[in-house]
Amino acid sequence: MSAIPYAAFPVKSSRSITVALTFVIGCIALMMTGFAVILPVFPQRLQALGLGSETLALMEAAFGLGMLLFSTPMGTLSGRIGRKPILFISLAGFIVTNLLLAFVNVAPLFVLIRFVEGTLLAGLTPATMSMVGDTIPLEKQGRWIGYLTTAQAVGFALGPGIGGLLAQTLGFTSPFLLSAAIALVASLLTIFMVPETLPKHVRAAARPQKANREAKAQKPQELRFARLIWLIAPFLVIDFGMIFTYPFVFPQYPFFFEKVLHYSTTQYGMLFSVYGTALAVFPLFLGRLSETMPKKPLIILGSLLFGVLNVFMFAAPLYPLLLAGAALAGLGSAFVEPAMGSIYLGTTTDENRGQVMGMRGSAISLAIMLGPLAQALVGPWISPQITFAIGAALSVGMVLVAFLLLNNPRQIEKA
């Protein structure tokens, strides 16, 4: 894979950039909290309306499909009209869909609203990651990606407990209303506190009349973008493989814990509390490793650690080892996510950064959709132990992809 030109970062006040990205991270933490607040309520609400697991499955499939189809278009749009409008569209759309979900009681509407929600939220990650690429020099991006990862994990960890408590005390609609209120606060922060990071000349160049005049000049850029796709293809494969792994094996965990290991629900919950805590804490402190160390070894080591929990589930399902495996899986994510995020951002320019991050979002959404589907298809025919072995093998496969395809350490460091 050959090197490509990198974006030139504008000279801005370091303090103003820090303040702006801090507000972005705050918005993400709020958004993920609001998103997670409603998750434990869906099954109870559907059951109260006489709807079953089939409706829930369709809702989540519709949400994933919206994310899959629109991550790349929304990322591309953020490179034309700006990052801030896409961020605001995602947050504002989340407000509207949560208000609708609080009051609808017809199965097709639930499915349709979740599809629209996935469509609108598809722009959130490409926009926020592009903001980091727009404003932060390459040598400091790892720590900020780590901060974003921590914000997402913290919000996702806090939300379900809050949502479950509200549903029990104030009724099924209260979590949706709180989620909408949280998104409203994040939207207001976006309007008044978050600046636009996409340079004006990039937005101006994307205007239709100027684009028409420069149509011929776009062909070399298209060739460069094709080279860019070739460059990031291994990372899309690694992203897909890592994200696919746990949605594929998760459905087997609770049954294996209860029926085979005879562990309690509390012990099962503690396992994922350890994983969630590791996922929140480690990126906060280890994200900057990708700024000083070669990225290829970090991705290989992180991919190996990410699969440790499945190895322990398969080979040595002792509770202390499982807790250690959960912590190591979170540590693996802390190595991989900042390193890969830095590479994605480093291989892009202001013009194509949003589009590339949208492509990454599409790969992740596809993995989230296909993981549970694959388990539903093969689960009845294989044992839990085989499922865990497949999960471990997928992690090893990602290690091999990183080792064989990321074959130019200097290029990876530059990327």
Protein backbone atom coordinates (compact mmCIF):
# COMPACT_ATOMS: atom_id res chain seq x y z
CA MET A 1 0.00 0.00 0.00
CA SER A 2 1.41 3.35 -0.99
CA ALA A 3 1.43 6.51 1.02
CA ILE A 4 -1.07 9.26 0.34
CA PRO A 5 -1.05 12.98 1.10
CA TYR A 6 -2.26 13.95 4.53
CA ALA A 7 -4.41 16.82 5.68
CA ALA A 8 -2.82 20.04 6.81
CA PHE A 9 -4.21 21.06 10.15
CA PRO A 10 -5.24 24.69 10.58
CA VAL A 11 -3.43 26.79 13.13
CA LYS A 12 -5.88 27.42 15.94
CA SER A 13 -5.73 28.27 19.58
CA SER A 14 -4.86 25.13 21.48
CA ARG A 15 -7.11 26.22 24.32
CA SER A 16 -10.11 26.88 22.06
CA ILE A 17 -9.68 23.47 20.41
CA THR A 18 -9.52 21.78 23.81
CA VAL A 19 -12.66 23.56 25.00
CA ALA A 20 -14.55 22.74 21.79
CA LEU A 21 -13.66 19.04 21.83
CA THR A 22 -14.45 18.85 25.54
CA PHE A 23 -17.98 19.99 24.74
CA VAL A 24 -18.16 17.42 21.92
CA ILE A 25 -17.11 14.67 24.33
CA GLY A 26 -19.71 15.92 26.80
CA CYS A 27 -22.36 15.73 24.07
CA ILE A 28 -21.33 12.16 23.26
CA ALA A 29 -21.47 11.12 26.92
CA LEU A 30 -24.94 12.65 27.24
CA MET A 31 -26.07 11.11 23.99
CA MET A 32 -24.91 7.60 24.90
CA THR A 33 -26.51 7.91 28.34
CA GLY A 34 -29.80 8.88 26.72
CA PHE A 35 -29.45 6.07 24.19
CA ALA A 36 -28.79 3.46 26.88
CA VAL A 37 -31.58 4.73 29.15
CA ILE A 38 -34.24 3.33 26.82
CA LEU A 39 -32.65 -0.07 26.07
CA PRO A 40 -33.89 -2.03 29.13
CA VAL A 41 -37.39 -0.59 28.74
CA PHE A 42 -38.15 -1.90 25.25
CA PRO A 43 -38.92 -5.52 26.23
CA GLN A 44 -41.20 -4.48 29.10
CA ARG A 45 -43.00 -1.87 27.05
CA LEU A 46 -43.60 -4.25 24.16
CA GLN A 47 -44.83 -6.95 26.51
CA ALA A 48 -47.27 -4.52 28.12
CA LEU A 49 -48.67 -3.77 24.66
CA GLY A 50 -49.08 -7.45 23.86
CA LEU A 51 -46.08 -7.52 21.52
CA GLY A 52 -43.30 -10.07 21.68
CA SER A 53 -39.65 -10.72 20.96
CA GLU A 54 -40.31 -10.73 17.22
CA THR A 55 -41.18 -7.03 17.32
CA LEU A 56 -38.08 -6.28 19.37
CA ALA A 57 -35.91 -8.17 16.89
CA LEU A 58 -37.44 -6.26 13.98
CA MET A 59 -36.93 -2.95 15.79
CA GLU A 60 -33.25 -3.61 16.40
CA ALA A 61 -32.76 -4.91 12.86
CA ALA A 62 -34.42 -1.75 11.50
CA PHE A 63 -32.18 0.44 13.63
CA GLY A 64 -29.08 -1.41 12.44
CA LEU A 65 -30.23 -1.23 8.84
CA GLY A 66 -30.66 2.54 9.09
CA MET A 67 -27.14 2.85 10.50
CA LEU A 68 -25.73 0.59 7.79
CA LEU A 69 -27.37 2.36 4.86
CA PHE A 70 -26.77 5.93 5.96
CA SER A 71 -23.43 6.01 7.81
CA THR A 72 -21.47 6.63 4.62
CA PRO A 73 -23.94 9.18 3.11
CA MET A 74 -24.13 11.09 6.39
CA GLY A 75 -20.35 11.07 6.69
CA THR A 76 -20.06 12.32 3.11
CA LEU A 77 -22.59 15.07 3.82
CA SER A 78 -20.54 16.19 6.83
CA GLY A 79 -17.71 16.88 4.37
CA ARG A 80 -19.97 19.17 2.34
CA ILE A 81 -22.13 21.13 4.77
CA GLY A 82 -19.99 20.76 7.89
CA ARG A 83 -19.63 18.58 10.96
CA LYS A 84 -21.79 20.71 13.26
CA PRO A 85 -25.01 20.45 11.21
CA ILE A 86 -24.72 16.65 11.06
CA LEU A 87 -24.06 16.48 14.80
CA PHE A 88 -27.11 18.63 15.42
CA ILE A 89 -29.29 16.60 13.01
CA SER A 90 -28.39 13.41 14.86
CA LEU A 91 -29.18 14.89 18.26
CA ALA A 92 -32.38 16.63 17.15
CA GLY A 93 -33.56 13.49 15.39
CA PHE A 94 -33.00 11.52 18.58
CA ILE A 95 -35.24 13.95 20.46
CA VAL A 96 -38.10 13.49 17.99
CA THR A 97 -37.84 9.71 17.76
CA ASN A 98 -37.77 9.30 21.54
CA LEU A 99 -40.87 11.44 21.94
CA LEU A 100 -42.61 9.31 19.33
CA LEU A 101 -41.49 6.05 20.95
CA ALA A 102 -42.89 7.23 24.27
CA PHE A 103 -46.44 7.33 22.93
CA VAL A 104 -46.85 4.98 19.95
CA ASN A 105 -48.42 1.57 20.54
CA VAL A 106 -48.46 -0.08 17.10
CA ALA A 107 -45.76 -2.58 16.10
CA PRO A 108 -45.11 -1.24 12.55
CA LEU A 109 -44.62 2.26 13.96
CA PHE A 110 -42.06 0.99 16.47
CA VAL A 111 -40.09 -0.59 13.64
CA LEU A 112 -40.36 2.46 11.37
CA ILE A 113 -39.31 4.90 14.11
CA ARG A 114 -36.28 2.81 15.01
CA PHE A 115 -35.25 2.74 11.35
CA VAL A 116 -35.49 6.55 11.19
CA GLU A 117 -33.56 6.77 14.45
CA GLY A 118 -30.76 4.62 13.08
CA THR A 119 -30.69 6.73 9.92
CA LEU A 120 -30.29 9.98 11.84
CA LEU A 121 -27.83 8.66 14.40
CA ALA A 122 -25.66 7.28 11.60
CA GLY A 123 -24.02 10.70 11.29
CA LEU A 124 -22.98 11.01 14.94
CA THR A 125 -19.76 8.99 14.95
CA PRO A 126 -18.46 10.18 11.53
CA ALA A 127 -19.05 13.81 12.54
CA THR A 128 -17.39 13.58 15.96
CA MET A 129 -14.41 11.57 14.74
CA SER A 130 -13.97 14.01 11.84
CA MET A 131 -13.92 16.89 14.32
CA VAL A 132 -10.93 15.27 16.00
CA GLY A 133 -9.23 14.87 12.62
CA ASP A 134 -10.04 18.47 11.63
CA THR A 135 -8.56 20.09 14.72
CA ILE A 136 -6.02 17.83 16.45
CA PRO A 137 -2.51 17.22 15.06
CA LEU A 138 -1.80 13.62 14.18
CA GLU A 139 0.63 13.14 17.06
CA LYS A 140 -2.08 13.97 19.64
CA GLN A 141 -5.14 12.27 18.17
CA GLY A 142 -4.82 9.00 20.09
CA ARG A 143 -5.62 10.53 23.46
CA TRP A 144 -8.71 12.30 22.13
CA ILE A 145 -10.01 9.12 20.52
CA GLY A 146 -9.48 7.49 23.91
CA TYR A 147 -11.52 10.25 25.56
CA LEU A 148 -14.35 9.71 23.05
CA THR A 149 -14.27 5.95 23.68
CA THR A 150 -14.46 6.54 27.43
CA ALA A 151 -17.37 8.96 27.03
CA GLN A 152 -19.30 6.39 25.01
CA ALA A 153 -18.61 3.61 27.51
CA VAL A 154 -19.51 5.71 30.55
CA GLY A 155 -22.78 6.82 28.99
CA PHE A 156 -23.63 3.27 27.96
CA ALA A 157 -22.83 1.98 31.48
CA LEU A 158 -24.94 4.59 33.30
CA GLY A 159 -27.99 4.53 31.07
CA PRO A 160 -29.56 1.08 31.63
CA GLY A 161 -29.63 1.41 35.42
CA ILE A 162 -31.26 4.83 35.21
CA GLY A 163 -33.77 3.64 32.63
CA GLY A 164 -34.77 0.56 34.60
CA LEU A 165 -35.26 2.56 37.80
CA LEU A 166 -37.38 5.19 36.03
CA ALA A 167 -39.56 2.57 34.36
CA GLN A 168 -40.29 0.93 37.71
CA THR A 169 -41.07 4.17 39.55
CA LEU A 170 -42.57 6.52 36.95
CA GLY A 171 -43.81 4.26 34.16
CA PHE A 172 -42.67 3.14 30.72
CA THR A 173 -42.79 6.56 29.08
CA SER A 174 -40.44 8.27 31.56
CA PRO A 175 -37.15 6.81 30.21
CA PHE A 176 -38.02 7.97 26.69
CA LEU A 177 -38.86 11.46 27.94
CA LEU A 178 -35.61 11.61 29.92
CA SER A 179 -33.68 10.41 26.89
CA ALA A 180 -35.27 13.16 24.78
CA ALA A 181 -34.41 15.73 27.46
CA ILE A 182 -30.80 14.57 27.56
CA ALA A 183 -30.57 14.86 23.78
CA LEU A 184 -32.06 18.37 24.03
CA VAL A 185 -29.31 19.43 26.42
CA ALA A 186 -26.70 17.96 24.09
CA SER A 187 -28.31 19.76 21.14
CA LEU A 188 -28.16 23.11 22.94
CA LEU A 189 -24.51 22.51 23.78
CA THR A 190 -23.88 21.78 20.11
CA ILE A 191 -25.58 24.99 18.97
CA PHE A 192 -23.94 27.37 21.40
CA MET A 193 -20.67 25.76 22.45
CA VAL A 194 -19.39 23.62 19.57
CA PRO A 195 -17.76 25.44 16.63
CA GLU A 196 -17.67 24.24 13.05
CA THR A 197 -14.35 22.51 12.41
CA LEU A 198 -14.56 21.90 8.67
CA PRO A 199 -12.62 24.73 6.95
CA LYS A 200 -14.69 27.24 4.99
CA HIS A 201 -12.81 26.65 1.75
CA VAL A 202 -13.74 22.94 1.85
CA ARG A 203 -17.42 23.77 2.26
CA ALA A 204 -17.19 26.35 -0.50
CA ALA A 205 -15.56 23.86 -2.86
CA ALA A 206 -18.48 21.48 -2.32
CA ARG A 207 -21.05 23.96 -3.63
CA PRO A 208 -22.74 22.65 -6.80
CA GLN A 209 -21.77 25.55 -9.07
CA LYS A 210 -18.12 25.37 -8.14
CA ALA A 211 -18.15 21.60 -8.24
CA ASN A 212 -19.41 21.70 -11.83
CA ARG A 213 -16.63 24.05 -12.91
CA GLU A 214 -14.04 21.82 -11.34
CA ALA A 215 -15.47 18.48 -12.51
CA LYS A 216 -12.37 17.63 -14.52
CA ALA A 217 -10.12 18.39 -11.58
CA GLN A 218 -12.06 15.87 -9.50
CA LYS A 219 -10.80 12.86 -11.48
CA PRO A 220 -7.33 12.83 -9.87
CA GLN A 221 -9.02 13.16 -6.49
CA GLU A 222 -11.24 10.19 -7.31
CA LEU A 223 -8.17 8.15 -8.12
CA ARG A 224 -6.59 9.18 -4.85
CA PHE A 225 -9.78 8.22 -3.04
CA ALA A 226 -9.74 4.79 -4.69
CA ARG A 227 -6.20 4.36 -3.39
CA LEU A 228 -7.44 5.49 0.00
CA ILE A 229 -10.14 2.80 0.03
CA TRP A 230 -7.47 0.23 -0.79
CA LEU A 231 -5.37 1.57 2.06
CA ILE A 232 -8.11 1.39 4.70
CA ALA A 233 -9.60 -1.95 3.55
CA PRO A 234 -7.59 -4.01 6.11
CA PHE A 235 -8.81 -1.74 8.89
CA LEU A 236 -12.41 -2.14 7.76
CA VAL A 237 -11.89 -5.92 7.93
CA ILE A 238 -10.43 -5.66 11.44
CA ASP A 239 -13.24 -3.38 12.59
CA PHE A 240 -15.83 -5.76 11.18
CA GLY A 241 -14.23 -8.82 12.74
CA MET A 242 -13.85 -7.35 16.20
CA ILE A 243 -17.34 -5.87 16.32
CA PHE A 244 -18.89 -9.06 14.89
CA THR A 245 -17.30 -11.29 17.54
CA TYR A 246 -19.22 -10.35 20.66
CA PRO A 247 -22.70 -9.91 19.14
CA PHE A 248 -22.13 -13.41 17.77
CA VAL A 249 -21.16 -15.01 21.11
CA PHE A 250 -23.20 -12.90 23.58
CA PRO A 251 -26.49 -14.81 23.15
CA GLN A 252 -24.77 -17.94 24.49
CA TYR A 253 -23.34 -16.31 27.62
CA PRO A 254 -26.37 -16.15 29.96
CA PHE A 255 -27.48 -19.72 29.20
CA PHE A 256 -23.95 -21.07 29.60
CA PHE A 257 -23.56 -19.24 32.93
CA GLU A 258 -26.84 -20.56 34.29
CA LYS A 259 -27.13 -24.08 32.91
CA VAL A 260 -23.50 -25.19 32.63
CA LEU A 261 -21.49 -23.14 35.12
CA HIS A 262 -24.36 -22.63 37.60
CA TYR A 263 -23.32 -19.07 38.32
CA SER A 264 -25.84 -16.55 39.60
CA THR A 265 -27.33 -13.62 37.71
CA THR A 266 -25.30 -11.32 39.96
CA GLN A 267 -22.09 -13.03 38.94
CA TYR A 268 -23.09 -12.75 35.29
CA GLY A 269 -23.82 -9.05 35.73
CA MET A 270 -20.50 -8.49 37.49
CA LEU A 271 -18.65 -9.99 34.53
CA PHE A 272 -20.02 -7.33 32.21
CA SER A 273 -19.59 -4.61 34.80
CA VAL A 274 -15.87 -5.45 34.80
CA TYR A 275 -15.80 -5.37 31.01
CA GLY A 276 -17.70 -2.07 30.88
CA THR A 277 -15.44 -0.50 33.51
CA ALA A 278 -12.33 -1.63 31.65
CA LEU A 279 -13.75 -0.28 28.40
CA ALA A 280 -14.36 3.08 30.07
CA VAL A 281 -11.16 3.44 32.09
CA PHE A 282 -8.37 1.97 29.96
CA PRO A 283 -8.86 4.16 26.84
CA LEU A 284 -8.80 7.26 29.04
CA PHE A 285 -5.24 6.55 30.15
CA LEU A 286 -3.87 4.39 27.33
CA GLY A 287 -5.20 6.22 24.28
CA ARG A 288 -2.01 8.24 23.97
CA LEU A 289 0.06 5.07 23.51
CA SER A 290 -0.87 5.21 19.83
CA GLU A 291 0.85 8.61 19.66
CA THR A 292 4.24 7.29 20.75
CA MET A 293 4.26 3.61 19.79
CA PRO A 294 3.96 1.89 16.38
CA LYS A 295 0.31 1.18 15.68
CA LYS A 296 0.65 -2.26 14.14
CA PRO A 297 1.89 -3.95 17.37
CA LEU A 298 -0.85 -2.19 19.35
CA ILE A 299 -3.52 -3.53 16.99
CA ILE A 300 -2.07 -7.06 17.10
CA LEU A 301 -1.74 -7.08 20.90
CA GLY A 302 -5.16 -5.52 21.36
CA SER A 303 -6.81 -8.06 19.06
CA LEU A 304 -5.24 -10.91 21.04
CA LEU A 305 -6.38 -9.49 24.37
CA PHE A 306 -9.86 -8.84 22.98
CA GLY A 307 -10.31 -12.59 22.49
CA VAL A 308 -9.08 -13.69 25.93
CA LEU A 309 -12.56 -13.80 27.49
CA ASN A 310 -13.77 -16.26 24.85
CA VAL A 311 -10.65 -18.36 25.33
CA PHE A 312 -11.34 -18.59 29.07
CA MET A 313 -15.02 -19.35 28.46
CA PHE A 314 -13.99 -22.18 26.17
CA ALA A 315 -10.96 -23.62 27.97
CA ALA A 316 -11.08 -22.61 31.64
CA PRO A 317 -14.46 -21.25 32.72
CA LEU A 318 -13.42 -20.45 36.31
CA TYR A 319 -15.04 -17.31 37.66
CA PRO A 320 -11.82 -15.42 38.64
CA LEU A 321 -10.37 -16.15 35.21
CA LEU A 322 -13.56 -14.95 33.52
CA LEU A 323 -13.36 -11.65 35.44
CA ALA A 324 -9.73 -11.31 34.37
CA GLY A 325 -10.71 -12.14 30.79
CA ALA A 326 -13.38 -9.43 30.81
CA ALA A 327 -10.84 -6.88 32.03
CA LEU A 328 -8.30 -7.97 29.40
CA ALA A 329 -10.93 -7.72 26.65
CA GLY A 330 -11.52 -4.10 27.69
CA LEU A 331 -7.77 -3.53 27.72
CA GLY A 332 -7.57 -4.92 24.19
CA SER A 333 -10.14 -2.39 23.02
CA ALA A 334 -8.09 0.37 24.66
CA PHE A 335 -5.11 -0.62 22.53
CA VAL A 336 -6.97 -1.12 19.25
CA GLU A 337 -9.52 1.69 19.10
CA PRO A 338 -7.18 4.74 19.44
CA ALA A 339 -4.57 3.16 17.15
CA MET A 340 -7.06 2.40 14.40
CA GLY A 341 -8.89 5.69 14.83
CA SER A 342 -5.61 7.57 14.42
CA ILE A 343 -4.83 5.64 11.26
CA TYR A 344 -8.23 6.34 9.74
CA LEU A 345 -7.92 10.05 10.50
CA GLY A 346 -4.31 10.23 9.39
CA THR A 347 -5.06 8.75 5.97
CA THR A 348 -7.76 11.31 5.19
CA THR A 349 -8.03 14.93 4.14
CA ASP A 350 -10.59 17.56 5.11
CA GLU A 351 -12.54 16.72 1.94
CA ASN A 352 -12.90 12.94 2.44
CA ARG A 353 -12.56 12.49 6.21
CA GLY A 354 -16.29 12.36 6.89
CA GLN A 355 -16.86 9.89 4.06
CA VAL A 356 -14.15 7.54 5.28
CA MET A 357 -15.45 7.66 8.85
CA GLY A 358 -18.91 6.95 7.44
CA MET A 359 -17.53 3.89 5.66
CA ARG A 360 -16.12 2.72 8.96
CA GLY A 361 -19.52 3.25 10.55
CA SER A 362 -21.13 1.16 7.83
CA ALA A 363 -18.69 -1.70 8.43
CA ILE A 364 -19.39 -1.59 12.16
CA SER A 365 -23.16 -1.45 11.64
CA LEU A 366 -22.98 -4.44 9.28
CA ALA A 367 -21.08 -6.41 11.91
CA ILE A 368 -23.61 -5.52 14.61
CA MET A 369 -26.43 -6.73 12.36
CA LEU A 370 -24.80 -9.93 11.12
CA GLY A 371 -23.39 -11.12 14.47
CA PRO A 372 -26.72 -11.97 16.14
CA LEU A 373 -28.15 -13.22 12.83
CA ALA A 374 -25.26 -15.65 12.40
CA GLN A 375 -25.73 -16.92 15.95
CA ALA A 376 -29.46 -17.38 15.35
CA LEU A 377 -28.67 -19.47 12.26
CA VAL A 378 -25.93 -21.70 13.67
CA GLY A 379 -26.68 -21.58 17.41
CA PRO A 380 -29.14 -24.49 17.43
CA TRP A 381 -26.58 -26.72 15.74
CA ILE A 382 -23.45 -26.03 17.79
CA SER A 383 -22.60 -26.11 21.49
CA PRO A 384 -21.74 -22.97 23.51
CA GLN A 385 -18.14 -24.15 23.71
CA ILE A 386 -17.90 -24.22 19.92
CA THR A 387 -19.38 -20.72 19.80
CA PHE A 388 -16.70 -19.45 22.18
CA ALA A 389 -14.01 -21.24 20.17
CA ILE A 390 -15.29 -19.51 17.02
CA GLY A 391 -15.14 -16.18 18.85
CA ALA A 392 -11.54 -16.85 19.88
CA ALA A 393 -10.69 -17.92 16.33
CA LEU A 394 -12.13 -14.67 14.96
CA SER A 395 -9.82 -12.70 17.24
CA VAL A 396 -6.85 -14.73 16.01
CA GLY A 397 -8.03 -14.07 12.46
CA MET A 398 -7.94 -10.32 13.09
CA VAL A 399 -4.41 -10.72 14.42
CA LEU A 400 -3.41 -12.46 11.18
CA VAL A 401 -5.06 -9.73 9.09
CA ALA A 402 -3.12 -7.09 11.00
CA PHE A 403 0.14 -9.05 10.77
CA LEU A 404 -0.10 -9.90 7.07
CA LEU A 405 -1.78 -6.85 5.55
CA LEU A 406 -0.37 -4.10 7.72
CA ASN A 407 3.05 -4.99 6.44
CA ASN A 408 4.76 -1.62 6.42
CA PRO A 409 5.37 -0.40 9.99
CA ARG A 410 6.70 2.97 8.86
CA GLN A 411 3.64 3.61 6.79
CA ILE A 412 1.38 2.71 9.71
CA GLU A 413 3.24 5.13 11.95
CA LYS A 414 2.79 7.86 9.37
CA ALA A 415 -0.86 6.94 8.91
